[in-house]
Protein backbone atom coordinates (compact mmCIF):
# COMPACT_ATOMS: atom_id res chain seq x y z
CA MET A 1 51.94 -49.97 49.16
CA VAL A 2 51.58 -47.86 45.56
CA ASP A 3 48.74 -45.93 44.87
CA ARG A 4 46.47 -46.60 41.74
CA VAL A 5 46.99 -44.68 38.97
CA SER A 6 44.66 -44.44 36.49
CA THR A 7 44.22 -41.72 33.37
CA LEU A 8 40.96 -42.67 32.56
CA GLY A 9 38.14 -40.65 34.79
CA THR A 10 40.72 -37.23 34.08
CA TYR A 11 40.73 -37.84 30.47
CA SER A 12 36.89 -38.21 30.27
CA ALA A 13 36.51 -34.86 31.97
CA ILE A 14 39.60 -33.01 30.15
CA LEU A 15 37.13 -34.64 26.48
CA ALA A 16 33.71 -33.51 28.31
CA ASN A 17 35.48 -29.62 29.23
CA LEU A 18 36.72 -29.49 25.74
CA MET A 19 33.35 -30.48 23.83
CA ALA A 20 31.12 -27.94 25.82
CA ALA A 21 34.21 -25.21 24.98
CA GLU A 22 34.01 -26.13 21.34
CA ASN A 23 29.92 -25.59 21.56
CA LYS A 24 30.43 -22.37 23.40
CA GLN A 25 32.79 -21.38 20.55
CA THR A 26 30.41 -22.31 17.60
CA ASN A 27 27.67 -20.44 19.73
CA ALA A 28 29.29 -17.44 19.99
CA GLU A 29 30.90 -17.70 16.48
CA ASN A 30 27.35 -17.96 15.14
CA ARG A 31 26.39 -14.84 17.24
CA VAL A 32 28.96 -12.82 15.45
CA SER A 33 28.20 -13.97 12.23
CA SER A 34 24.64 -13.37 11.90
CA THR A 35 24.17 -10.68 14.61
CA LYS A 36 21.41 -12.84 15.95
CA ASN A 37 20.73 -14.95 19.41
CA GLY A 38 19.42 -17.73 17.56
CA SER A 39 18.20 -19.12 14.15
CA ASN A 40 14.83 -20.87 15.42
CA LEU A 41 12.33 -20.64 18.42
CA LYS A 42 14.03 -22.95 20.49
CA ASP A 43 17.26 -20.72 20.90
CA PHE A 44 15.11 -18.54 22.79
CA ALA A 45 13.96 -20.80 25.54
CA ASN A 46 11.05 -19.45 27.51
CA GLN A 47 11.06 -16.01 25.67
CA ALA A 48 9.84 -18.24 22.26
CA GLU A 49 5.70 -17.59 22.84
CA THR A 50 6.26 -13.68 22.91
CA LEU A 51 8.82 -14.02 19.76
CA THR A 52 6.20 -15.96 18.21
CA ALA A 53 3.14 -12.86 19.02
CA MET A 54 5.35 -10.42 18.27
CA GLN A 55 6.46 -11.64 14.99
CA SER A 56 3.03 -11.98 13.69
CA VAL A 57 1.76 -8.83 14.64
CA ASP A 58 4.81 -8.21 12.70
CA ALA A 59 4.12 -9.99 9.65
CA ARG A 60 0.11 -8.95 10.02
CA ILE A 61 0.61 -5.19 9.98
CA THR A 62 3.32 -5.73 6.93
CA ASN A 63 0.44 -6.68 5.27
CA TYR A 64 -1.59 -3.76 6.22
CA GLN A 65 1.30 -1.44 4.81
CA ALA A 66 1.17 -3.13 1.89
CA GLN A 67 -2.24 -2.62 0.95
CA ASN A 68 -2.31 0.62 2.24
CA SER A 69 0.21 1.64 -0.70
CA ILE A 70 -1.75 0.27 -3.51
CA ILE A 71 -4.91 2.07 -1.69
CA ALA A 72 -2.90 5.20 -1.65
CA ALA A 73 -1.73 4.94 -5.21
CA LYS A 74 -5.31 3.88 -6.21
CA LEU A 75 -6.58 7.61 -4.46
CA THR A 76 -4.66 9.09 -6.27
CA SER A 77 -5.52 7.71 -9.48
CA GLN A 78 -9.05 8.23 -8.44
CA ASP A 79 -8.03 11.73 -7.20
CA GLN A 80 -6.91 12.80 -10.45
CA ALA A 81 -9.68 11.25 -12.49
CA LEU A 82 -12.22 13.22 -10.61
CA THR A 83 -10.40 16.51 -10.29
CA SER A 84 -10.57 16.11 -14.47
CA VAL A 85 -13.97 15.63 -14.48
CA ALA A 86 -14.58 18.64 -12.31
CA ASP A 87 -12.63 20.49 -14.40
CA SER A 88 -14.43 19.60 -17.58
CA ALA A 89 -17.83 21.06 -15.65
CA THR A 90 -15.79 24.01 -15.15
CA ALA A 91 -14.63 24.46 -18.56
CA VAL A 92 -17.60 23.92 -19.71
CA ARG A 93 -19.54 26.78 -17.75
CA GLN A 94 -16.32 29.11 -19.08
CA ALA A 95 -17.29 28.44 -22.43
CA ILE A 96 -20.89 29.06 -22.05
CA ALA A 97 -19.93 32.41 -19.92
CA ASN A 98 -17.22 33.48 -22.51
CA ALA A 99 -20.44 32.86 -25.56
CA LEU A 100 -22.89 34.95 -23.49
CA ALA A 101 -19.58 37.83 -22.69
CA THR A 102 -19.24 38.24 -26.24
CA GLY A 103 -23.01 37.39 -27.56
CA SER A 104 -21.19 34.50 -29.95
CA ALA A 105 -21.39 30.72 -29.54
CA ASP A 106 -19.01 30.56 -32.70
CA THR A 107 -16.65 27.57 -30.98
CA LEU A 108 -19.18 26.57 -28.04
CA MET A 109 -20.31 23.26 -29.45
CA GLN A 110 -16.82 22.15 -30.25
CA GLN A 111 -15.78 23.48 -26.77
CA VAL A 112 -18.74 21.02 -25.30
CA GLN A 113 -17.91 17.73 -27.09
CA GLY A 114 -14.27 18.25 -26.29
CA GLN A 115 -14.92 18.16 -22.54
CA PHE A 116 -17.34 15.87 -22.69
CA GLN A 117 -14.70 13.33 -24.36
CA THR A 118 -12.57 14.68 -21.44
CA ALA A 119 -15.79 14.08 -18.62
CA VAL A 120 -16.30 10.33 -20.22
CA SER A 121 -12.18 9.59 -20.52
CA GLY A 122 -12.18 10.38 -16.31
CA LEU A 123 -14.79 8.50 -15.40
CA ASN A 124 -13.69 5.41 -17.31
CA THR A 125 -9.96 5.58 -15.75
CA GLN A 126 -8.81 2.25 -14.43
CA TYR A 127 -5.72 1.62 -12.04
CA ASP A 128 -3.64 -1.46 -12.49
CA GLY A 129 -6.21 -2.51 -15.51
CA LYS A 130 -9.69 -1.97 -13.57
CA TYR A 131 -11.81 0.55 -14.05
CA LEU A 132 -12.22 2.77 -10.69
CA PHE A 133 -15.76 3.46 -11.44
CA ALA A 134 -17.51 0.90 -12.15
CA GLY A 135 -18.06 -0.82 -8.57
CA GLY A 136 -17.55 -4.82 -8.89
CA GLN A 137 -18.02 -4.50 -12.77
CA ILE A 138 -14.31 -3.54 -13.20
CA ASN A 139 -13.47 -5.24 -16.65
CA THR A 140 -16.03 -2.88 -18.46
CA PRO A 141 -16.07 0.81 -18.97
CA PRO A 142 -18.65 2.35 -16.99
CA VAL A 143 -19.36 5.18 -19.40
CA SER A 144 -20.37 3.92 -23.02
CA ALA A 145 -20.96 7.05 -24.74
CA THR A 146 -18.50 8.62 -26.99
CA GLN A 147 -20.01 11.31 -28.65
CA LEU A 148 -22.42 14.30 -27.70
CA THR A 149 -24.83 12.75 -30.31
CA ASP A 150 -24.89 9.41 -28.64
CA LEU A 151 -27.15 11.15 -25.85
CA THR A 152 -30.15 12.20 -27.80
CA ALA A 153 -30.15 9.07 -29.89
CA GLY A 154 -33.27 7.65 -27.97
CA PRO A 155 -31.68 5.45 -24.91
CA PRO A 156 -32.52 6.96 -21.43
CA ILE A 157 -29.19 8.39 -19.71
CA ALA A 158 -28.83 5.63 -16.94
CA SER A 159 -28.38 3.15 -20.18
CA PHE A 160 -24.90 4.75 -20.83
CA PHE A 161 -23.42 3.78 -17.48
CA GLN A 162 -22.63 -0.12 -16.65
CA ASN A 163 -21.17 0.04 -13.16
CA ASP A 164 -23.12 -1.71 -10.57
CA ASN A 165 -23.73 -0.55 -6.95
CA LEU A 166 -20.79 -2.17 -5.11
CA GLN A 167 -18.70 0.51 -3.32
CA VAL A 168 -15.86 -0.65 -2.57
CA GLN A 169 -14.49 -0.95 0.87
CA ALA A 170 -11.09 -1.26 2.33
CA LYS A 171 -9.84 -2.66 5.80
CA LEU A 172 -6.47 -0.19 7.07
CA ASP A 173 -5.74 -1.69 10.07
CA ASP A 174 -7.28 -4.22 12.74
CA THR A 175 -10.00 -1.40 13.98
CA THR A 176 -10.46 0.62 10.48
CA THR A 177 -12.08 0.47 7.06
CA VAL A 178 -13.14 2.91 4.53
CA THR A 179 -15.19 3.37 1.46
CA THR A 180 -12.60 4.12 -1.16
CA GLY A 181 -14.73 3.56 -4.32
CA GLN A 182 -17.18 6.54 -5.80
CA LEU A 183 -19.65 5.41 -8.55
CA ALA A 184 -19.28 6.67 -12.48
CA SER A 185 -23.42 6.72 -12.25
CA ASN A 186 -23.51 9.06 -9.11
CA LEU A 187 -20.71 11.15 -10.29
CA GLY A 188 -21.61 11.73 -13.79
CA THR A 189 -25.61 11.80 -14.26
CA PRO A 190 -26.45 14.98 -13.80
CA MET A 191 -23.07 16.01 -16.21
CA LEU A 192 -24.29 13.65 -18.74
CA THR A 193 -27.90 15.00 -18.49
CA ALA A 194 -26.17 18.71 -18.76
CA PHE A 195 -24.66 17.17 -22.11
CA GLN A 196 -27.67 15.82 -23.37
CA ALA A 197 -29.74 19.16 -22.63
CA ILE A 198 -27.63 21.29 -24.59
CA GLN A 199 -27.21 18.77 -27.76
CA ALA A 200 -30.78 18.34 -27.96
CA TYR A 201 -31.45 22.41 -27.49
CA ASN A 202 -28.50 22.87 -30.30
CA ALA A 203 -30.11 20.11 -32.69
CA GLY A 204 -33.31 21.41 -31.83
CA PRO A 205 -35.70 24.23 -33.15
CA ASN A 206 -34.04 26.94 -31.38
CA GLY A 207 -30.79 25.93 -32.31
CA PRO A 208 -27.89 25.29 -33.81
CA LEU A 209 -25.77 27.05 -30.85
CA ASN A 210 -23.46 28.88 -33.65
CA GLY A 211 -22.95 32.43 -34.61
CA PRO A 212 -24.71 35.36 -32.74
CA LEU A 213 -26.74 34.28 -30.04
CA THR A 214 -30.31 35.12 -30.48
CA ALA A 215 -32.53 36.23 -26.79
CA ASN A 216 -34.15 32.60 -26.55
CA GLN A 217 -30.13 31.15 -26.65
CA GLN A 218 -28.84 33.53 -24.34
CA ALA A 219 -31.98 32.63 -21.68
CA PHE A 220 -31.13 28.92 -22.15
CA LEU A 221 -26.92 29.25 -21.81
CA THR A 222 -27.71 31.52 -18.67
CA ALA A 223 -29.97 29.24 -17.51
CA ALA A 224 -27.38 25.83 -18.40
CA MET A 225 -24.36 27.98 -16.68
CA THR A 226 -25.98 28.26 -13.30
CA ASN A 227 -26.78 24.13 -13.70
CA TRP A 228 -23.21 23.47 -14.82
CA ALA A 229 -21.81 25.48 -12.24
CA GLN A 230 -23.79 23.17 -9.61
CA ILE A 231 -22.29 20.14 -11.27
CA GLY A 232 -19.07 21.40 -11.05
CA THR A 233 -19.31 21.98 -7.06
CA ASN A 234 -20.74 18.71 -6.52
CA LEU A 235 -17.75 17.02 -8.35
CA THR A 236 -15.24 18.99 -6.83
CA THR A 237 -16.66 17.98 -3.28
CA ALA A 238 -16.61 14.04 -4.54
CA ALA A 239 -13.05 14.95 -4.84
CA ALA A 240 -12.54 16.23 -1.73
CA GLN A 241 -14.29 12.90 0.31
CA ASN A 242 -11.77 11.23 -2.00
CA GLY A 243 -8.95 13.88 -0.57
CA LEU A 244 -10.45 12.87 3.13
CA VAL A 245 -10.01 9.09 2.41
CA GLN A 246 -6.38 9.96 0.99
CA GLN A 247 -5.90 11.38 4.44
CA GLN A 248 -7.40 8.75 6.76
CA VAL A 249 -5.00 6.15 4.54
CA ASP A 250 -1.93 8.51 5.19
CA THR A 251 -3.08 8.96 8.82
CA VAL A 252 -3.13 5.09 9.46
CA LYS A 253 -0.04 4.41 7.31
CA ALA A 254 1.63 6.80 9.66
CA ASN A 255 0.75 4.83 12.93
CA LEU A 256 0.93 1.13 11.52
CA ASP A 257 4.35 2.51 10.52
CA THR A 258 4.98 3.54 14.21
CA GLN A 259 3.48 0.38 15.72
CA GLN A 260 5.88 -1.35 13.18
CA THR A 261 9.06 0.55 14.50
CA THR A 262 8.66 0.00 18.08
CA LEU A 263 7.86 -3.74 17.38
CA THR A 264 10.79 -4.22 15.63
CA SER A 265 12.77 -3.04 18.26
CA MET A 266 11.08 -5.30 20.82
CA ILE A 267 11.68 -8.51 18.54
CA GLY A 268 15.57 -7.04 18.13
CA ASN A 269 16.18 -7.08 22.15
CA ILE A 270 14.93 -10.80 21.95
CA THR A 271 16.74 -12.12 19.15
CA ASP A 272 19.31 -9.45 17.81
CA ALA A 273 22.72 -9.97 19.74
CA ASP A 274 24.99 -7.81 21.83
CA MET A 275 27.82 -8.17 19.71
CA ALA A 276 30.00 -6.57 22.41
CA LYS A 277 29.57 -9.54 24.78
CA ALA A 278 29.75 -12.05 21.77
CA ALA A 279 32.65 -10.90 20.47
CA THR A 280 33.88 -11.40 24.08
CA ASP A 281 32.23 -15.12 24.55
CA LEU A 282 33.85 -15.62 21.36
CA SER A 283 37.29 -14.82 22.71
CA ASN A 284 36.92 -16.46 25.91
CA ALA A 285 35.63 -19.57 24.45
CA GLN A 286 38.64 -19.95 21.93
CA LEU A 287 40.99 -19.58 24.43
CA THR A 288 39.28 -22.21 26.59
CA VAL A 289 39.13 -24.62 23.41
CA GLN A 290 43.34 -24.07 23.39
CA ALA A 291 43.96 -24.78 26.75
CA SER A 292 41.40 -27.83 27.28
CA ALA A 293 42.84 -28.68 23.88
CA LYS A 294 46.93 -28.60 25.34
CA VAL A 295 45.61 -30.50 28.78
CA LEU A 296 44.27 -33.03 26.71
CA GLN A 297 47.25 -33.55 24.88
CA ALA A 298 49.50 -33.55 27.63
CA LEU A 299 47.28 -36.31 29.24
CA GLN A 300 47.45 -38.18 26.28
CA GLY A 301 51.22 -38.39 26.92
CA ASP A 302 51.08 -39.76 30.25
CA SER A 303 51.40 -43.31 30.93
CA LEU A 304 52.67 -45.96 33.74
CA LEU A 305 55.27 -47.11 31.02
CA THR A 306 57.24 -43.79 31.10
CA LEU A 307 57.10 -44.26 35.12
CA LEU A 308 58.55 -47.78 34.95
CA PRO A 309 62.30 -48.42 34.33
CA VAL A 310 63.81 -49.42 31.29
CA ALA A 311 64.51 -53.27 31.22
């Protein structure tokens, strides 16, 4: 009795092993080349839901960080503008003090006019083409007066402010919202009123403020100096409030950085390939493919014809 000889089953098994080995080789090559364990969610099996949730949080943090960088830059411009306006008030007070100390107002009104223009320029500061202190009227300069004489031309001080009452707020993260906007009318009304008083006095019966000071002029400027000191203090306080918001933004940004670093590490634990293992898997898969190919080649050479005698 002669045993039945067949290569079909063996051939199929070896071919299946070769295909499996090639798949493993391809998978290992992809991990080595991309440094990732997969290219889509199905590659991460039961961790896909967790990975999706973490990636969603990561994207939200990235959006907050981009927004907070813009807010920080805006607050920096706002700080510079507020400091400039406060410095103008301080400079007016100092000019008045100098006039009183010397008993002469020879250059006082020229200095006051210059500081008026500096203050108006500060209140009309723009960031990214939008007026910072205009509330929601971001395309309109919030202060329309350009000369001291505008203030005594008839219209009330309130008419020179074009801002509305919207104080801009920003959401820094899921739980923190801050007010970043300040309004030109709140900041500038006391200052423009004080400028108006100086200009009205200069143009009035006790003026002009030019040359040696009279007793009446000294009394007026002494009272004005006290008023300007308070205006400067209030504007400095506004700048300090802006600084507190800057600090809050910086703190939130730092916290989000920490959260994102931790989250990136957690995502990496799922998605990032173990390069040492990937390299070993690739080497083993290559050896398996070579071995399976040799066995398959040898099997293809086997045939009953080689066992039968030549006729």
